[in-house]
Amino acid sequence: MTAPKPLTRDENYPASEETLELASKIEALSPHHRYLVEELIAQFYGGAKR
């Protein structure tokens, strides 16, 4: 297996099946639980405070 070639700055890799499944599960959460997940992700990736 070879590594995918680097993308230009404005390109994205296609979403994997696992990513799409996770996104679907997050979307199905209640608004409060979705907010908590989004805040946790922001902490991991250094998202700005709201």
PDB file of N, CA and C in Angstrom:
ATOM      1  N   MET A   1       0.848  -1.174   0.000  1.00  0.00           N
ATOM      2  CA  MET A   1       0.000   0.000   0.000  1.00  0.00           C
ATOM      3  C   MET A   1       0.892   1.236   0.000  1.00  0.00           C
ATOM      4  N   THR A   2       0.580   2.171  -0.863  1.00  0.00           N
ATOM      5  CA  THR A   2       1.356   3.409  -0.931  1.00  0.00           C
ATOM      6  C   THR A   2       0.570   4.546  -0.291  1.00  0.00           C
ATOM      7  N   ALA A   3       1.319   5.503   0.192  1.00  0.00           N
ATOM      8  CA  ALA A   3       0.680   6.672   0.812  1.00  0.00           C
ATOM      9  C   ALA A   3       0.046   7.534  -0.272  1.00  0.00           C
ATOM     10  N   PRO A   4      -1.098   8.153   0.034  1.00  0.00           N
ATOM     11  CA  PRO A   4      -1.720   9.041  -0.961  1.00  0.00           C
ATOM     12  C   PRO A   4      -0.834  10.257  -1.200  1.00  0.00           C
ATOM     13  N   LYS A   5      -0.895  10.785  -2.414  1.00  0.00           N
ATOM     14  CA  LYS A   5      -0.082  11.969  -2.714  1.00  0.00           C
ATOM     15  C   LYS A   5      -0.620  13.171  -1.944  1.00  0.00           C
ATOM     16  N   PRO A   6       0.248  14.074  -1.553  1.00  0.00           N
ATOM     17  CA  PRO A   6      -0.197  15.266  -0.819  1.00  0.00           C
ATOM     18  C   PRO A   6      -1.173  16.087  -1.669  1.00  0.00           C
ATOM     19  N   LEU A   7      -2.106  16.687  -0.997  1.00  0.00           N
ATOM     20  CA  LEU A   7      -3.095  17.525  -1.678  1.00  0.00           C
ATOM     21  C   LEU A   7      -2.666  18.980  -1.604  1.00  0.00           C
ATOM     22  N   THR A   8      -3.194  19.774  -2.517  1.00  0.00           N
ATOM     23  CA  THR A   8      -2.944  21.211  -2.437  1.00  0.00           C
ATOM     24  C   THR A   8      -3.700  21.770  -1.235  1.00  0.00           C
ATOM     25  N   ARG A   9      -3.409  22.975  -0.876  1.00  0.00           N
ATOM     26  CA  ARG A   9      -3.958  23.587   0.336  1.00  0.00           C
ATOM     27  C   ARG A   9      -5.492  23.595   0.384  1.00  0.00           C
ATOM     28  N   ASP A  10      -6.169  23.769  -0.726  1.00  0.00           N
ATOM     29  CA  ASP A  10      -7.628  23.870  -0.713  1.00  0.00           C
ATOM     30  C   ASP A  10      -8.341  22.571  -1.054  1.00  0.00           C
ATOM     31  N   GLU A  11      -7.628  21.446  -1.133  1.00  0.00           N
ATOM     32  CA  GLU A  11      -8.247  20.157  -1.426  1.00  0.00           C
ATOM     33  C   GLU A  11      -8.438  19.355  -0.145  1.00  0.00           C
ATOM     34  N   ASN A  12      -9.358  18.388  -0.189  1.00  0.00           N
ATOM     35  CA  ASN A  12      -9.599  17.484   0.935  1.00  0.00           C
ATOM     36  C   ASN A  12      -9.538  16.049   0.450  1.00  0.00           C
ATOM     37  N   TYR A  13      -9.102  15.148   1.331  1.00  0.00           N
ATOM     38  CA  TYR A  13      -9.162  13.729   1.006  1.00  0.00           C
ATOM     39  C   TYR A  13     -10.626  13.304   1.051  1.00  0.00           C
ATOM     40  N   PRO A  14     -11.017  12.322   0.253  1.00  0.00           N
ATOM     41  CA  PRO A  14     -12.409  11.856   0.323  1.00  0.00           C
ATOM     42  C   PRO A  14     -12.673  11.216   1.701  1.00  0.00           C
ATOM     43  N   ALA A  15     -13.886  11.391   2.196  1.00  0.00           N
ATOM     44  CA  ALA A  15     -14.243  10.836   3.506  1.00  0.00           C
ATOM     45  C   ALA A  15     -14.297   9.314   3.421  1.00  0.00           C
ATOM     46  N   SER A  16     -13.751   8.662   4.447  1.00  0.00           N
ATOM     47  CA  SER A  16     -13.788   7.197   4.490  1.00  0.00           C
ATOM     48  C   SER A  16     -15.170   6.745   4.970  1.00  0.00           C
ATOM     49  N   GLU A  17     -15.437   5.471   4.806  1.00  0.00           N
ATOM     50  CA  GLU A  17     -16.711   4.914   5.266  1.00  0.00           C
ATOM     51  C   GLU A  17     -16.864   5.098   6.780  1.00  0.00           C
ATOM     52  N   GLU A  18     -15.762   4.936   7.511  1.00  0.00           N
ATOM     53  CA  GLU A  18     -15.798   5.097   8.975  1.00  0.00           C
ATOM     54  C   GLU A  18     -16.101   6.542   9.357  1.00  0.00           C
ATOM     55  N   THR A  19     -15.533   7.485   8.626  1.00  0.00           N
ATOM     56  CA  THR A  19     -15.781   8.902   8.898  1.00  0.00           C
ATOM     57  C   THR A  19     -17.241   9.252   8.658  1.00  0.00           C
ATOM     58  N   LEU A  20     -17.787   8.753   7.562  1.00  0.00           N
ATOM     59  CA  LEU A  20     -19.197   9.025   7.260  1.00  0.00           C
ATOM     60  C   LEU A  20     -20.116   8.413   8.313  1.00  0.00           C
ATOM     61  N   GLU A  21     -19.786   7.211   8.783  1.00  0.00           N
ATOM     62  CA  GLU A  21     -20.599   6.567   9.824  1.00  0.00           C
ATOM     63  C   GLU A  21     -20.540   7.373  11.121  1.00  0.00           C
ATOM     64  N   LEU A  22     -19.352   7.818  11.494  1.00  0.00           N
ATOM     65  CA  LEU A  22     -19.203   8.612  12.714  1.00  0.00           C
ATOM     66  C   LEU A  22     -19.969   9.925  12.606  1.00  0.00           C
ATOM     67  N   ALA A  23     -19.869  10.585  11.459  1.00  0.00           N
ATOM     68  CA  ALA A  23     -20.590  11.841  11.254  1.00  0.00           C
ATOM     69  C   ALA A  23     -22.095  11.625  11.366  1.00  0.00           C
ATOM     70  N   SER A  24     -22.578  10.519  10.840  1.00  0.00           N
ATOM     71  CA  SER A  24     -24.003  10.201  10.917  1.00  0.00           C
ATOM     72  C   SER A  24     -24.434   9.986  12.365  1.00  0.00           C
ATOM     73  N   LYS A  25     -23.600   9.312  13.145  1.00  0.00           N
ATOM     74  CA  LYS A  25     -23.930   9.073  14.558  1.00  0.00           C
ATOM     75  C   LYS A  25     -23.920  10.374  15.347  1.00  0.00           C
ATOM     76  N   ILE A  26     -22.964  11.244  15.074  1.00  0.00           N
ATOM     77  CA  ILE A  26     -22.911  12.535  15.764  1.00  0.00           C
ATOM     78  C   ILE A  26     -24.134  13.369  15.405  1.00  0.00           C
ATOM     79  N   GLU A  27     -24.506  13.354  14.137  1.00  0.00           N
ATOM     80  CA  GLU A  27     -25.666  14.124  13.685  1.00  0.00           C
ATOM     81  C   GLU A  27     -26.953  13.653  14.360  1.00  0.00           C
ATOM     82  N   ALA A  28     -27.026  12.352  14.699  1.00  0.00           N
ATOM     83  CA  ALA A  28     -28.230  11.789  15.303  1.00  0.00           C
ATOM     84  C   ALA A  28     -28.346  12.088  16.804  1.00  0.00           C
ATOM     85  N   LEU A  29     -27.296  12.626  17.411  1.00  0.00           N
ATOM     86  CA  LEU A  29     -27.335  12.936  18.841  1.00  0.00           C
ATOM     87  C   LEU A  29     -28.308  14.082  19.119  1.00  0.00           C
ATOM     88  N   SER A  30     -28.715  14.184  20.376  1.00  0.00           N
ATOM     89  CA  SER A  30     -29.525  15.334  20.786  1.00  0.00           C
ATOM     90  C   SER A  30     -28.659  16.587  20.652  1.00  0.00           C
ATOM     91  N   PRO A  31     -29.293  17.756  20.504  1.00  0.00           N
ATOM     92  CA  PRO A  31     -28.496  18.990  20.357  1.00  0.00           C
ATOM     93  C   PRO A  31     -27.468  19.184  21.476  1.00  0.00           C
ATOM     94  N   HIS A  32     -27.837  18.875  22.710  1.00  0.00           N
ATOM     95  CA  HIS A  32     -26.907  19.058  23.831  1.00  0.00           C
ATOM     96  C   HIS A  32     -25.708  18.120  23.708  1.00  0.00           C
ATOM     97  N   HIS A  33     -25.964  16.853  23.414  1.00  0.00           N
ATOM     98  CA  HIS A  33     -24.866  15.896  23.288  1.00  0.00           C
ATOM     99  C   HIS A  33     -23.992  16.214  22.070  1.00  0.00           C
ATOM    100  N   ARG A  34     -24.594  16.678  20.987  1.00  0.00           N
ATOM    101  CA  ARG A  34     -23.820  17.076  19.809  1.00  0.00           C
ATOM    102  C   ARG A  34     -22.901  18.243  20.160  1.00  0.00           C
ATOM    103  N   TYR A  35     -23.439  19.202  20.926  1.00  0.00           N
ATOM    104  CA  TYR A  35     -22.634  20.334  21.372  1.00  0.00           C
ATOM    105  C   TYR A  35     -21.430  19.860  22.191  1.00  0.00           C
ATOM    106  N   LEU A  36     -21.657  18.899  23.093  1.00  0.00           N
ATOM    107  CA  LEU A  36     -20.566  18.378  23.923  1.00  0.00           C
ATOM    108  C   LEU A  36     -19.491  17.715  23.061  1.00  0.00           C
ATOM    109  N   VAL A  37     -19.896  16.944  22.074  1.00  0.00           N
ATOM    110  CA  VAL A  37     -18.936  16.297  21.175  1.00  0.00           C
ATOM    111  C   VAL A  37     -18.153  17.359  20.401  1.00  0.00           C
ATOM    112  N   GLU A  38     -18.849  18.369  19.895  1.00  0.00           N
ATOM    113  CA  GLU A  38     -18.178  19.430  19.143  1.00  0.00           C
ATOM    114  C   GLU A  38     -17.174  20.179  20.015  1.00  0.00           C
ATOM    115  N   GLU A  39     -17.516  20.415  21.266  1.00  0.00           N
ATOM    116  CA  GLU A  39     -16.594  21.091  22.181  1.00  0.00           C
ATOM    117  C   GLU A  39     -15.369  20.219  22.457  1.00  0.00           C
ATOM    118  N   LEU A  40     -15.571  18.933  22.612  1.00  0.00           N
ATOM    119  CA  LEU A  40     -14.456  18.015  22.835  1.00  0.00           C
ATOM    120  C   LEU A  40     -13.519  18.011  21.628  1.00  0.00           C
ATOM    121  N   ILE A  41     -14.071  17.974  20.437  1.00  0.00           N
ATOM    122  CA  ILE A  41     -13.277  18.017  19.217  1.00  0.00           C
ATOM    123  C   ILE A  41     -12.497  19.330  19.142  1.00  0.00           C
ATOM    124  N   ALA A  42     -13.156  20.424  19.479  1.00  0.00           N
ATOM    125  CA  ALA A  42     -12.479  21.726  19.464  1.00  0.00           C
ATOM    126  C   ALA A  42     -11.297  21.733  20.422  1.00  0.00           C
ATOM    127  N   GLN A  43     -11.419  21.080  21.564  1.00  0.00           N
ATOM    128  CA  GLN A  43     -10.313  20.999  22.523  1.00  0.00           C
ATOM    129  C   GLN A  43      -9.143  20.214  21.939  1.00  0.00           C
ATOM    130  N   PHE A  44      -9.429  19.119  21.253  1.00  0.00           N
ATOM    131  CA  PHE A  44      -8.367  18.314  20.655  1.00  0.00           C
ATOM    132  C   PHE A  44      -7.661  19.040  19.528  1.00  0.00           C
ATOM    133  N   TYR A  45      -8.402  19.788  18.733  1.00  0.00           N
ATOM    134  CA  TYR A  45      -7.841  20.427  17.554  1.00  0.00           C
ATOM    135  C   TYR A  45      -7.573  21.910  17.732  1.00  0.00           C
ATOM    136  N   GLY A  46      -7.675  22.410  18.947  1.00  0.00           N
ATOM    137  CA  GLY A  46      -7.334  23.799  19.214  1.00  0.00           C
ATOM    138  C   GLY A  46      -8.317  24.806  18.653  1.00  0.00           C
ATOM    139  N   GLY A  47      -9.588  24.431  18.605  1.00  0.00           N
ATOM    140  CA  GLY A  47     -10.610  25.340  18.096  1.00  0.00           C
ATOM    141  C   GLY A  47     -10.722  26.576  18.963  1.00  0.00           C
ATOM    142  N   ALA A  48     -11.110  27.662  18.352  1.00  0.00           N
ATOM    143  CA  ALA A  48     -11.248  28.921  19.074  1.00  0.00           C
ATOM    144  C   ALA A  48     -12.441  28.874  20.013  1.00  0.00           C
ATOM    145  N   LYS A  49     -12.358  29.596  21.108  1.00  0.00           N
ATOM    146  CA  LYS A  49     -13.482  29.694  22.032  1.00  0.00           C
ATOM    147  C   LYS A  49     -14.609  30.472  21.382  1.00  0.00           C
ATOM    148  N   ARG A  50     -15.849  30.113  21.706  1.00  0.00           N
ATOM    149  CA  ARG A  50     -17.011  30.815  21.129  1.00  0.00           C
ATOM    150  C   ARG A  50     -17.382  32.003  21.961  1.00  0.00           C
TER     151      ARG A  50
END
